[in-house]
Amino acid sequence: MEKDARNLYFDLLKRTLSFTLWDEPGMSIEMFAYRKGSIYRKAILMFAKLLRLFRYQVVKLPTRNSSDKEEGKIWPRYAESMIGLKRLDNIQHCVETAIKNNVKGDFIETGVWR
């Protein structure tokens, strides 16, 4: 029972850190305006500004699939880690192996992203 609870906790922790518990939210169309021509870009920005007056926003939904998140192939906007679930599984396996084999030393996480 204890091992099952531990595995469930680690799974929840990894999914939270990688933001795979939730769908990625849409991105405002203003973020994509730079890709368009000058007239189109100005129209988008004016339209978005008008919508904000009424507390509305048009968003573009992401086209990423869940396997991209699991593999760490994308830079998720809200995740605390960008390495994906498979690499987090590997880190867990390495830590558990080191503990099981009584490897002396400390753990340190040195990556920086957010």
PDB file of N, CA and C in Angstrom:
ATOM      1  N   MET A   1       0.824  -1.208   0.000  1.00  0.00           N
ATOM      2  CA  MET A   1       0.000   0.000   0.000  1.00  0.00           C
ATOM      3  C   MET A   1       0.862   1.263   0.000  1.00  0.00           C
ATOM      4  N   GLU A   2       1.908   1.239   0.851  1.00  0.00           N
ATOM      5  CA  GLU A   2       2.761   2.424   0.949  1.00  0.00           C
ATOM      6  C   GLU A   2       3.437   2.738  -0.390  1.00  0.00           C
ATOM      7  N   LYS A   3       3.901   1.696  -1.089  1.00  0.00           N
ATOM      8  CA  LYS A   3       4.566   1.908  -2.372  1.00  0.00           C
ATOM      9  C   LYS A   3       3.593   2.468  -3.410  1.00  0.00           C
ATOM     10  N   ASP A   4       2.342   1.998  -3.398  1.00  0.00           N
ATOM     11  CA  ASP A   4       1.346   2.513  -4.337  1.00  0.00           C
ATOM     12  C   ASP A   4       1.084   4.000  -4.094  1.00  0.00           C
ATOM     13  N   ALA A   5       0.961   4.383  -2.832  1.00  0.00           N
ATOM     14  CA  ALA A   5       0.723   5.793  -2.507  1.00  0.00           C
ATOM     15  C   ALA A   5       1.912   6.640  -2.922  1.00  0.00           C
ATOM     16  N   ARG A   6       3.111   6.122  -2.716  1.00  0.00           N
ATOM     17  CA  ARG A   6       4.318   6.857  -3.108  1.00  0.00           C
ATOM     18  C   ARG A   6       4.372   7.050  -4.618  1.00  0.00           C
ATOM     19  N   ASN A   7       4.070   5.981  -5.360  1.00  0.00           N
ATOM     20  CA  ASN A   7       4.080   6.084  -6.822  1.00  0.00           C
ATOM     21  C   ASN A   7       3.016   7.056  -7.323  1.00  0.00           C
ATOM     22  N   LEU A   8       1.849   7.027  -6.690  1.00  0.00           N
ATOM     23  CA  LEU A   8       0.794   7.973  -7.070  1.00  0.00           C
ATOM     24  C   LEU A   8       1.231   9.407  -6.792  1.00  0.00           C
ATOM     25  N   TYR A   9       1.898   9.613  -5.663  1.00  0.00           N
ATOM     26  CA  TYR A   9       2.375  10.960  -5.327  1.00  0.00           C
ATOM     27  C   TYR A   9       3.419  11.428  -6.342  1.00  0.00           C
ATOM     28  N   PHE A  10       4.387  10.565  -6.669  1.00  0.00           N
ATOM     29  CA  PHE A  10       5.409  10.954  -7.643  1.00  0.00           C
ATOM     30  C   PHE A  10       4.797  11.210  -9.012  1.00  0.00           C
ATOM     31  N   ASP A  11       3.819  10.419  -9.397  1.00  0.00           N
ATOM     32  CA  ASP A  11       3.144  10.638 -10.677  1.00  0.00           C
ATOM     33  C   ASP A  11       2.443  11.997 -10.687  1.00  0.00           C
ATOM     34  N   LEU A  12       1.754  12.317  -9.604  1.00  0.00           N
ATOM     35  CA  LEU A  12       1.085  13.616  -9.496  1.00  0.00           C
ATOM     36  C   LEU A  12       2.103  14.753  -9.542  1.00  0.00           C
ATOM     37  N   LEU A  13       3.213  14.601  -8.836  1.00  0.00           N
ATOM     38  CA  LEU A  13       4.252  15.621  -8.818  1.00  0.00           C
ATOM     39  C   LEU A  13       4.830  15.846 -10.211  1.00  0.00           C
ATOM     40  N   LYS A  14       5.134  14.784 -10.930  1.00  0.00           N
ATOM     41  CA  LYS A  14       5.704  14.904 -12.279  1.00  0.00           C
ATOM     42  C   LYS A  14       4.700  15.536 -13.248  1.00  0.00           C
ATOM     43  N   ARG A  15       3.450  15.137 -13.146  1.00  0.00           N
ATOM     44  CA  ARG A  15       2.435  15.697 -14.045  1.00  0.00           C
ATOM     45  C   ARG A  15       2.163  17.175 -13.736  1.00  0.00           C
ATOM     46  N   THR A  16       2.300  17.544 -12.469  1.00  0.00           N
ATOM     47  CA  THR A  16       2.137  18.954 -12.105  1.00  0.00           C
ATOM     48  C   THR A  16       3.300  19.779 -12.625  1.00  0.00           C
ATOM     49  N   LEU A  17       4.520  19.295 -12.415  1.00  0.00           N
ATOM     50  CA  LEU A  17       5.705  20.026 -12.869  1.00  0.00           C
ATOM     51  C   LEU A  17       5.745  20.186 -14.380  1.00  0.00           C
ATOM     52  N   SER A  18       5.225  19.209 -15.101  1.00  0.00           N
ATOM     53  CA  SER A  18       5.254  19.258 -16.568  1.00  0.00           C
ATOM     54  C   SER A  18       3.965  19.816 -17.170  1.00  0.00           C
ATOM     55  N   PHE A  19       3.017  20.214 -16.329  1.00  0.00           N
ATOM     56  CA  PHE A  19       1.734  20.793 -16.754  1.00  0.00           C
ATOM     57  C   PHE A  19       0.966  19.836 -17.674  1.00  0.00           C
ATOM     58  N   THR A  20       1.100  18.530 -17.433  1.00  0.00           N
ATOM     59  CA  THR A  20       0.361  17.562 -18.249  1.00  0.00           C
ATOM     60  C   THR A  20      -0.975  17.187 -17.635  1.00  0.00           C
ATOM     61  N   LEU A  21      -1.283  17.699 -16.469  1.00  0.00           N
ATOM     62  CA  LEU A  21      -2.605  17.478 -15.878  1.00  0.00           C
ATOM     63  C   LEU A  21      -3.674  18.311 -16.579  1.00  0.00           C
ATOM     64  N   TRP A  22      -3.259  19.364 -17.237  1.00  0.00           N
ATOM     65  CA  TRP A  22      -4.188  20.317 -17.830  1.00  0.00           C
ATOM     66  C   TRP A  22      -3.868  20.522 -19.302  1.00  0.00           C
ATOM     67  N   ASP A  23      -4.853  21.000 -20.035  1.00  0.00           N
ATOM     68  CA  ASP A  23      -4.630  21.404 -21.421  1.00  0.00           C
ATOM     69  C   ASP A  23      -3.949  22.765 -21.422  1.00  0.00           C
ATOM     70  N   GLU A  24      -3.088  22.977 -22.399  1.00  0.00           N
ATOM     71  CA  GLU A  24      -2.459  24.280 -22.551  1.00  0.00           C
ATOM     72  C   GLU A  24      -3.546  25.295 -22.922  1.00  0.00           C
ATOM     73  N   PRO A  25      -3.572  26.432 -22.258  1.00  0.00           N
ATOM     74  CA  PRO A  25      -4.570  27.445 -22.612  1.00  0.00           C
ATOM     75  C   PRO A  25      -4.239  28.086 -23.958  1.00  0.00           C
ATOM     76  N   GLY A  26      -5.245  28.690 -24.549  1.00  0.00           N
ATOM     77  CA  GLY A  26      -5.035  29.371 -25.812  1.00  0.00           C
ATOM     78  C   GLY A  26      -4.166  30.616 -25.653  1.00  0.00           C
ATOM     79  N   MET A  27      -3.610  31.061 -26.777  1.00  0.00           N
ATOM     80  CA  MET A  27      -2.771  32.257 -26.782  1.00  0.00           C
ATOM     81  C   MET A  27      -3.508  33.367 -27.515  1.00  0.00           C
ATOM     82  N   SER A  28      -3.425  34.558 -27.003  1.00  0.00           N
ATOM     83  CA  SER A  28      -4.099  35.696 -27.603  1.00  0.00           C
ATOM     84  C   SER A  28      -3.672  35.876 -29.061  1.00  0.00           C
ATOM     85  N   ILE A  29      -4.627  36.251 -29.919  1.00  0.00           N
ATOM     86  CA  ILE A  29      -4.295  36.448 -31.339  1.00  0.00           C
ATOM     87  C   ILE A  29      -3.283  37.576 -31.523  1.00  0.00           C
ATOM     88  N   GLU A  30      -3.169  38.443 -30.535  1.00  0.00           N
ATOM     89  CA  GLU A  30      -2.180  39.517 -30.621  1.00  0.00           C
ATOM     90  C   GLU A  30      -0.758  38.960 -30.682  1.00  0.00           C
ATOM     91  N   MET A  31      -0.547  37.832 -30.065  1.00  0.00           N
ATOM     92  CA  MET A  31       0.791  37.234 -30.059  1.00  0.00           C
ATOM     93  C   MET A  31       1.207  36.758 -31.447  1.00  0.00           C
ATOM     94  N   PHE A  32       0.249  36.542 -32.327  1.00  0.00           N
ATOM     95  CA  PHE A  32       0.548  36.056 -33.667  1.00  0.00           C
ATOM     96  C   PHE A  32       0.494  37.164 -34.721  1.00  0.00           C
ATOM     97  N   ALA A  33       0.178  38.374 -34.312  1.00  0.00           N
ATOM     98  CA  ALA A  33       0.021  39.469 -35.267  1.00  0.00           C
ATOM     99  C   ALA A  33       1.323  39.792 -35.988  1.00  0.00           C
ATOM    100  N   TYR A  34       2.456  39.582 -35.339  1.00  0.00           N
ATOM    101  CA  TYR A  34       3.741  39.921 -35.952  1.00  0.00           C
ATOM    102  C   TYR A  34       4.014  39.104 -37.216  1.00  0.00           C
ATOM    103  N   ARG A  35       3.334  37.974 -37.369  1.00  0.00           N
ATOM    104  CA  ARG A  35       3.541  37.104 -38.522  1.00  0.00           C
ATOM    105  C   ARG A  35       2.842  37.617 -39.778  1.00  0.00           C
ATOM    106  N   LYS A  36       1.966  38.575 -39.633  1.00  0.00           N
ATOM    107  CA  LYS A  36       1.144  39.031 -40.746  1.00  0.00           C
ATOM    108  C   LYS A  36       1.678  40.340 -41.313  1.00  0.00           C
ATOM    109  N   GLY A  37       1.078  40.757 -42.424  1.00  0.00           N
ATOM    110  CA  GLY A  37       1.450  42.022 -43.037  1.00  0.00           C
ATOM    111  C   GLY A  37       1.006  43.202 -42.186  1.00  0.00           C
ATOM    112  N   SER A  38       1.482  44.365 -42.542  1.00  0.00           N
ATOM    113  CA  SER A  38       1.266  45.577 -41.752  1.00  0.00           C
ATOM    114  C   SER A  38      -0.221  45.902 -41.548  1.00  0.00           C
ATOM    115  N   ILE A  39      -1.013  45.877 -42.618  1.00  0.00           N
ATOM    116  CA  ILE A  39      -2.435  46.218 -42.515  1.00  0.00           C
ATOM    117  C   ILE A  39      -3.177  45.172 -41.672  1.00  0.00           C
ATOM    118  N   TYR A  40      -2.915  43.911 -41.933  1.00  0.00           N
ATOM    119  CA  TYR A  40      -3.560  42.830 -41.184  1.00  0.00           C
ATOM    120  C   TYR A  40      -3.172  42.914 -39.706  1.00  0.00           C
ATOM    121  N   ARG A  41      -1.894  43.170 -39.427  1.00  0.00           N
ATOM    122  CA  ARG A  41      -1.416  43.271 -38.051  1.00  0.00           C
ATOM    123  C   ARG A  41      -2.115  44.407 -37.318  1.00  0.00           C
ATOM    124  N   LYS A  42      -2.249  45.558 -37.953  1.00  0.00           N
ATOM    125  CA  LYS A  42      -2.931  46.696 -37.328  1.00  0.00           C
ATOM    126  C   LYS A  42      -4.400  46.383 -37.069  1.00  0.00           C
ATOM    127  N   ALA A  43      -5.044  45.679 -38.015  1.00  0.00           N
ATOM    128  CA  ALA A  43      -6.452  45.308 -37.838  1.00  0.00           C
ATOM    129  C   ALA A  43      -6.616  44.360 -36.648  1.00  0.00           C
ATOM    130  N   ILE A  44      -5.732  43.396 -36.538  1.00  0.00           N
ATOM    131  CA  ILE A  44      -5.799  42.455 -35.412  1.00  0.00           C
ATOM    132  C   ILE A  44      -5.625  43.199 -34.094  1.00  0.00           C
ATOM    133  N   LEU A  45      -4.644  44.068 -34.036  1.00  0.00           N
ATOM    134  CA  LEU A  45      -4.375  44.791 -32.790  1.00  0.00           C
ATOM    135  C   LEU A  45      -5.531  45.713 -32.415  1.00  0.00           C
ATOM    136  N   MET A  46      -6.132  46.367 -33.392  1.00  0.00           N
ATOM    137  CA  MET A  46      -7.288  47.226 -33.104  1.00  0.00           C
ATOM    138  C   MET A  46      -8.486  46.393 -32.639  1.00  0.00           C
ATOM    139  N   PHE A  47      -8.715  45.271 -33.310  1.00  0.00           N
ATOM    140  CA  PHE A  47      -9.815  44.378 -32.932  1.00  0.00           C
ATOM    141  C   PHE A  47      -9.624  43.860 -31.506  1.00  0.00           C
ATOM    142  N   ALA A  48      -8.413  43.452 -31.188  1.00  0.00           N
ATOM    143  CA  ALA A  48      -8.120  42.941 -29.843  1.00  0.00           C
ATOM    144  C   ALA A  48      -8.308  44.040 -28.796  1.00  0.00           C
ATOM    145  N   LYS A  49      -7.899  45.239 -29.121  1.00  0.00           N
ATOM    146  CA  LYS A  49      -8.063  46.359 -28.185  1.00  0.00           C
ATOM    147  C   LYS A  49      -9.545  46.652 -27.956  1.00  0.00           C
ATOM    148  N   LEU A  50     -10.349  46.603 -29.018  1.00  0.00           N
ATOM    149  CA  LEU A  50     -11.786  46.822 -28.892  1.00  0.00           C
ATOM    150  C   LEU A  50     -12.423  45.736 -28.016  1.00  0.00           C
ATOM    151  N   LEU A  51     -12.042  44.485 -28.227  1.00  0.00           N
ATOM    152  CA  LEU A  51     -12.587  43.392 -27.423  1.00  0.00           C
ATOM    153  C   LEU A  51     -12.236  43.544 -25.942  1.00  0.00           C
ATOM    154  N   ARG A  52     -11.023  44.016 -25.659  1.00  0.00           N
ATOM    155  CA  ARG A  52     -10.601  44.196 -24.265  1.00  0.00           C
ATOM    156  C   ARG A  52     -11.480  45.204 -23.532  1.00  0.00           C
ATOM    157  N   LEU A  53     -12.029  46.171 -24.260  1.00  0.00           N
ATOM    158  CA  LEU A  53     -12.935  47.145 -23.639  1.00  0.00           C
ATOM    159  C   LEU A  53     -14.145  46.441 -23.014  1.00  0.00           C
ATOM    160  N   PHE A  54     -14.565  45.337 -23.631  1.00  0.00           N
ATOM    161  CA  PHE A  54     -15.713  44.571 -23.150  1.00  0.00           C
ATOM    162  C   PHE A  54     -15.285  43.308 -22.398  1.00  0.00           C
ATOM    163  N   ARG A  55     -13.991  43.247 -22.082  1.00  0.00           N
ATOM    164  CA  ARG A  55     -13.407  42.130 -21.331  1.00  0.00           C
ATOM    165  C   ARG A  55     -13.531  40.799 -22.076  1.00  0.00           C
ATOM    166  N   TYR A  56     -13.304  40.849 -23.391  1.00  0.00           N
ATOM    167  CA  TYR A  56     -13.275  39.654 -24.218  1.00  0.00           C
ATOM    168  C   TYR A  56     -11.897  39.534 -24.843  1.00  0.00           C
ATOM    169  N   GLN A  57     -11.619  38.324 -25.324  1.00  0.00           N
ATOM    170  CA  GLN A  57     -10.344  38.084 -25.976  1.00  0.00           C
ATOM    171  C   GLN A  57     -10.515  36.926 -26.946  1.00  0.00           C
ATOM    172  N   VAL A  58      -9.885  37.022 -28.105  1.00  0.00           N
ATOM    173  CA  VAL A  58      -9.872  35.923 -29.059  1.00  0.00           C
ATOM    174  C   VAL A  58      -8.541  35.207 -28.880  1.00  0.00           C
ATOM    175  N   VAL A  59      -8.614  33.890 -28.764  1.00  0.00           N
ATOM    176  CA  VAL A  59      -7.391  33.113 -28.560  1.00  0.00           C
ATOM    177  C   VAL A  59      -7.257  32.050 -29.643  1.00  0.00           C
ATOM    178  N   LYS A  60      -6.019  31.680 -29.891  1.00  0.00           N
ATOM    179  CA  LYS A  60      -5.722  30.572 -30.792  1.00  0.00           C
ATOM    180  C   LYS A  60      -5.399  29.378 -29.911  1.00  0.00           C
ATOM    181  N   LEU A  61      -6.131  28.280 -30.117  1.00  0.00           N
ATOM    182  CA  LEU A  61      -5.904  27.087 -29.314  1.00  0.00           C
ATOM    183  C   LEU A  61      -4.656  26.364 -29.809  1.00  0.00           C
ATOM    184  N   PRO A  62      -3.886  25.770 -28.893  1.00  0.00           N
ATOM    185  CA  PRO A  62      -2.659  25.078 -29.304  1.00  0.00           C
ATOM    186  C   PRO A  62      -2.968  23.821 -30.102  1.00  0.00           C
ATOM    187  N   THR A  63      -2.059  23.470 -30.984  1.00  0.00           N
ATOM    188  CA  THR A  63      -2.230  22.269 -31.809  1.00  0.00           C
ATOM    189  C   THR A  63      -1.294  21.161 -31.364  1.00  0.00           C
ATOM    190  N   ARG A  64      -0.695  21.301 -30.219  1.00  0.00           N
ATOM    191  CA  ARG A  64       0.240  20.299 -29.713  1.00  0.00           C
ATOM    192  C   ARG A  64      -0.524  19.069 -29.233  1.00  0.00           C
ATOM    193  N   ASN A  65       0.121  17.940 -29.327  1.00  0.00           N
ATOM    194  CA  ASN A  65      -0.511  16.729 -28.807  1.00  0.00           C
ATOM    195  C   ASN A  65       0.176  16.305 -27.512  1.00  0.00           C
ATOM    196  N   SER A  66      -0.445  15.377 -26.804  1.00  0.00           N
ATOM    197  CA  SER A  66       0.063  14.989 -25.491  1.00  0.00           C
ATOM    198  C   SER A  66       1.408  14.274 -25.585  1.00  0.00           C
ATOM    199  N   SER A  67       1.685  13.592 -26.687  1.00  0.00           N
ATOM    200  CA  SER A  67       2.977  12.905 -26.796  1.00  0.00           C
ATOM    201  C   SER A  67       4.126  13.907 -26.882  1.00  0.00           C
ATOM    202  N   ASP A  68       3.876  15.086 -27.458  1.00  0.00           N
ATOM    203  CA  ASP A  68       4.920  16.125 -27.487  1.00  0.00           C
ATOM    204  C   ASP A  68       5.267  16.575 -26.071  1.00  0.00           C
ATOM    205  N   LYS A  69       4.267  16.687 -25.204  1.00  0.00           N
ATOM    206  CA  LYS A  69       4.516  17.048 -23.807  1.00  0.00           C
ATOM    207  C   LYS A  69       5.280  15.938 -23.089  1.00  0.00           C
ATOM    208  N   GLU A  70       4.876  14.698 -23.318  1.00  0.00           N
ATOM    209  CA  GLU A  70       5.522  13.570 -22.653  1.00  0.00           C
ATOM    210  C   GLU A  70       6.984  13.451 -23.063  1.00  0.00           C
ATOM    211  N   GLU A  71       7.280  13.728 -24.322  1.00  0.00           N
ATOM    212  CA  GLU A  71       8.639  13.622 -24.834  1.00  0.00           C
ATOM    213  C   GLU A  71       9.487  14.853 -24.496  1.00  0.00           C
ATOM    214  N   GLY A  72       8.840  15.942 -24.076  1.00  0.00           N
ATOM    215  CA  GLY A  72       9.584  17.168 -23.800  1.00  0.00           C
ATOM    216  C   GLY A  72       9.996  17.886 -25.078  1.00  0.00           C
ATOM    217  N   LYS A  73       9.189  17.761 -26.130  1.00  0.00           N
ATOM    218  CA  LYS A  73       9.507  18.369 -27.422  1.00  0.00           C
ATOM    219  C   LYS A  73       9.034  19.817 -27.549  1.00  0.00           C
ATOM    220  N   ILE A  74       8.260  20.279 -26.577  1.00  0.00           N
ATOM    221  CA  ILE A  74       7.722  21.639 -26.649  1.00  0.00           C
ATOM    222  C   ILE A  74       8.143  22.418 -25.410  1.00  0.00           C
ATOM    223  N   TRP A  75       8.014  23.709 -25.484  1.00  0.00           N
ATOM    224  CA  TRP A  75       8.243  24.572 -24.334  1.00  0.00           C
ATOM    225  C   TRP A  75       6.885  24.969 -23.798  1.00  0.00           C
ATOM    226  N   PRO A  76       6.366  24.237 -22.826  1.00  0.00           N
ATOM    227  CA  PRO A  76       5.042  24.574 -22.294  1.00  0.00           C
ATOM    228  C   PRO A  76       5.062  25.929 -21.597  1.00  0.00           C
ATOM    229  N   ARG A  77       4.005  26.678 -21.769  1.00  0.00           N
ATOM    230  CA  ARG A  77       3.964  28.042 -21.223  1.00  0.00           C
ATOM    231  C   ARG A  77       3.840  28.066 -19.710  1.00  0.00           C
ATOM    232  N   TYR A  78       3.210  27.084 -19.120  1.00  0.00           N
ATOM    233  CA  TYR A  78       2.929  27.132 -17.685  1.00  0.00           C
ATOM    234  C   TYR A  78       3.651  26.071 -16.868  1.00  0.00           C
ATOM    235  N   ALA A  79       4.381  25.188 -17.489  1.00  0.00           N
ATOM    236  CA  ALA A  79       5.057  24.117 -16.759  1.00  0.00           C
ATOM    237  C   ALA A  79       6.261  24.651 -15.989  1.00  0.00           C
ATOM    238  N   GLU A  80       6.576  23.977 -14.906  1.00  0.00           N
ATOM    239  CA  GLU A  80       7.779  24.311 -14.139  1.00  0.00           C
ATOM    240  C   GLU A  80       8.994  23.612 -14.721  1.00  0.00           C
ATOM    241  N   SER A  81       8.766  22.562 -15.487  1.00  0.00           N
ATOM    242  CA  SER A  81       9.848  21.823 -16.124  1.00  0.00           C
ATOM    243  C   SER A  81       9.498  21.629 -17.586  1.00  0.00           C
ATOM    244  N   MET A  82      10.501  21.705 -18.430  1.00  0.00           N
ATOM    245  CA  MET A  82      10.255  21.541 -19.856  1.00  0.00           C
ATOM    246  C   MET A  82      10.785  20.213 -20.394  1.00  0.00           C
ATOM    247  N   ILE A  83      11.220  19.309 -19.516  1.00  0.00           N
ATOM    248  CA  ILE A  83      11.874  18.085 -19.995  1.00  0.00           C
ATOM    249  C   ILE A  83      10.904  16.961 -20.341  1.00  0.00           C
ATOM    250  N   GLY A  84       9.663  17.064 -19.946  1.00  0.00           N
ATOM    251  CA  GLY A  84       8.683  16.054 -20.304  1.00  0.00           C
ATOM    252  C   GLY A  84       8.633  14.901 -19.307  1.00  0.00           C
ATOM    253  N   LEU A  85       7.561  14.137 -19.393  1.00  0.00           N
ATOM    254  CA  LEU A  85       7.313  13.055 -18.439  1.00  0.00           C
ATOM    255  C   LEU A  85       8.322  11.917 -18.539  1.00  0.00           C
ATOM    256  N   LYS A  86       8.733  11.561 -19.741  1.00  0.00           N
ATOM    257  CA  LYS A  86       9.657  10.435 -19.883  1.00  0.00           C
ATOM    258  C   LYS A  86      10.995  10.732 -19.220  1.00  0.00           C
ATOM    259  N   ARG A  87      11.476  11.943 -19.347  1.00  0.00           N
ATOM    260  CA  ARG A  87      12.744  12.297 -18.698  1.00  0.00           C
ATOM    261  C   ARG A  87      12.567  12.418 -17.184  1.00  0.00           C
ATOM    262  N   LEU A  88      11.409  12.897 -16.739  1.00  0.00           N
ATOM    263  CA  LEU A  88      11.141  12.921 -15.297  1.00  0.00           C
ATOM    264  C   LEU A  88      11.070  11.497 -14.742  1.00  0.00           C
ATOM    265  N   ASP A  89      10.500  10.564 -15.511  1.00  0.00           N
ATOM    266  CA  ASP A  89      10.488   9.158 -15.099  1.00  0.00           C
ATOM    267  C   ASP A  89      11.918   8.640 -14.959  1.00  0.00           C
ATOM    268  N   ASN A  90      12.781   9.022 -15.890  1.00  0.00           N
ATOM    269  CA  ASN A  90      14.174   8.582 -15.845  1.00  0.00           C
ATOM    270  C   ASN A  90      14.889   9.144 -14.614  1.00  0.00           C
ATOM    271  N   ILE A  91      14.645  10.409 -14.298  1.00  0.00           N
ATOM    272  CA  ILE A  91      15.247  11.002 -13.101  1.00  0.00           C
ATOM    273  C   ILE A  91      14.780  10.252 -11.854  1.00  0.00           C
ATOM    274  N   GLN A  92      13.492   9.954 -11.776  1.00  0.00           N
ATOM    275  CA  GLN A  92      12.964   9.202 -10.634  1.00  0.00           C
ATOM    276  C   GLN A  92      13.648   7.841 -10.532  1.00  0.00           C
ATOM    277  N   HIS A  93      13.787   7.162 -11.651  1.00  0.00           N
ATOM    278  CA  HIS A  93      14.435   5.847 -11.654  1.00  0.00           C
ATOM    279  C   HIS A  93      15.883   5.962 -11.162  1.00  0.00           C
ATOM    280  N   CYS A  94      16.599   6.964 -11.624  1.00  0.00           N
ATOM    281  CA  CYS A  94      18.000   7.147 -11.202  1.00  0.00           C
ATOM    282  C   CYS A  94      18.102   7.419  -9.705  1.00  0.00           C
ATOM    283  N   VAL A  95      17.236   8.260  -9.187  1.00  0.00           N
ATOM    284  CA  VAL A  95      17.240   8.583  -7.756  1.00  0.00           C
ATOM    285  C   VAL A  95      16.900   7.345  -6.935  1.00  0.00           C
ATOM    286  N   GLU A  96      15.869   6.619  -7.340  1.00  0.00           N
ATOM    287  CA  GLU A  96      15.479   5.417  -6.599  1.00  0.00           C
ATOM    288  C   GLU A  96      16.588   4.368  -6.627  1.00  0.00           C
ATOM    289  N   THR A  97      17.273   4.238  -7.758  1.00  0.00           N
ATOM    290  CA  THR A  97      18.378   3.288  -7.863  1.00  0.00           C
ATOM    291  C   THR A  97      19.533   3.688  -6.949  1.00  0.00           C
ATOM    292  N   ALA A  98      19.860   4.972  -6.919  1.00  0.00           N
ATOM    293  CA  ALA A  98      20.937   5.454  -6.051  1.00  0.00           C
ATOM    294  C   ALA A  98      20.610   5.209  -4.583  1.00  0.00           C
ATOM    295  N   ILE A  99      19.365   5.442  -4.204  1.00  0.00           N
ATOM    296  CA  ILE A  99      18.959   5.216  -2.812  1.00  0.00           C
ATOM    297  C   ILE A  99      18.990   3.721  -2.483  1.00  0.00           C
ATOM    298  N   LYS A 100      18.452   2.906  -3.394  1.00  0.00           N
ATOM    299  CA  LYS A 100      18.411   1.460  -3.171  1.00  0.00           C
ATOM    300  C   LYS A 100      19.819   0.867  -3.036  1.00  0.00           C
ATOM    301  N   ASN A 101      20.775   1.408  -3.801  1.00  0.00           N
ATOM    302  CA  ASN A 101      22.146   0.894  -3.789  1.00  0.00           C
ATOM    303  C   ASN A 101      23.041   1.603  -2.777  1.00  0.00           C
ATOM    304  N   ASN A 102      22.431   2.434  -1.923  1.00  0.00           N
ATOM    305  CA  ASN A 102      23.179   3.159  -0.876  1.00  0.00           C
ATOM    306  C   ASN A 102      24.355   3.960  -1.436  1.00  0.00           C
ATOM    307  N   VAL A 103      24.125   4.627  -2.547  1.00  0.00           N
ATOM    308  CA  VAL A 103      25.162   5.475  -3.119  1.00  0.00           C
ATOM    309  C   VAL A 103      25.330   6.691  -2.217  1.00  0.00           C
ATOM    310  N   LYS A 104      26.554   6.948  -1.804  1.00  0.00           N
ATOM    311  CA  LYS A 104      26.829   8.064  -0.901  1.00  0.00           C
ATOM    312  C   LYS A 104      26.823   9.372  -1.689  1.00  0.00           C
ATOM    313  N   GLY A 105      26.387  10.434  -1.042  1.00  0.00           N
ATOM    314  CA  GLY A 105      26.407  11.746  -1.671  1.00  0.00           C
ATOM    315  C   GLY A 105      25.076  12.452  -1.554  1.00  0.00           C
ATOM    316  N   ASP A 106      24.986  13.559  -2.231  1.00  0.00           N
ATOM    317  CA  ASP A 106      23.801  14.402  -2.193  1.00  0.00           C
ATOM    318  C   ASP A 106      23.237  14.558  -3.598  1.00  0.00           C
ATOM    319  N   PHE A 107      21.990  14.988  -3.653  1.00  0.00           N
ATOM    320  CA  PHE A 107      21.348  15.325  -4.918  1.00  0.00           C
ATOM    321  C   PHE A 107      21.306  16.839  -5.042  1.00  0.00           C
ATOM    322  N   ILE A 108      21.509  17.324  -6.257  1.00  0.00           N
ATOM    323  CA  ILE A 108      21.373  18.753  -6.511  1.00  0.00           C
ATOM    324  C   ILE A 108      20.730  18.924  -7.875  1.00  0.00           C
ATOM    325  N   GLU A 109      19.789  19.825  -7.954  1.00  0.00           N
ATOM    326  CA  GLU A 109      19.147  20.164  -9.226  1.00  0.00           C
ATOM    327  C   GLU A 109      19.714  21.509  -9.632  1.00  0.00           C
ATOM    328  N   THR A 110      20.362  21.568 -10.793  1.00  0.00           N
ATOM    329  CA  THR A 110      21.078  22.785 -11.186  1.00  0.00           C
ATOM    330  C   THR A 110      20.513  23.458 -12.424  1.00  0.00           C
ATOM    331  N   GLY A 111      19.472  22.917 -12.991  1.00  0.00           N
ATOM    332  CA  GLY A 111      18.907  23.522 -14.190  1.00  0.00           C
ATOM    333  C   GLY A 111      18.131  24.803 -13.856  1.00  0.00           C
ATOM    334  N   VAL A 112      18.114  25.699 -14.819  1.00  0.00           N
ATOM    335  CA  VAL A 112      17.342  26.912 -14.662  1.00  0.00           C
ATOM    336  C   VAL A 112      16.512  27.131 -15.921  1.00  0.00           C
ATOM    337  N   TRP A 113      15.277  27.397 -15.711  1.00  0.00           N
ATOM    338  CA  TRP A 113      14.403  27.767 -16.824  1.00  0.00           C
ATOM    339  C   TRP A 113      13.458  28.835 -16.372  1.00  0.00           C
ATOM    340  N   ARG A 114      12.751  28.585 -15.280  1.00  0.00           N
ATOM    341  CA  ARG A 114      11.825  29.579 -14.743  1.00  0.00           C
ATOM    342  C   ARG A 114      12.181  29.878 -13.318  1.00  0.00           C
TER     343      ARG A 114
END
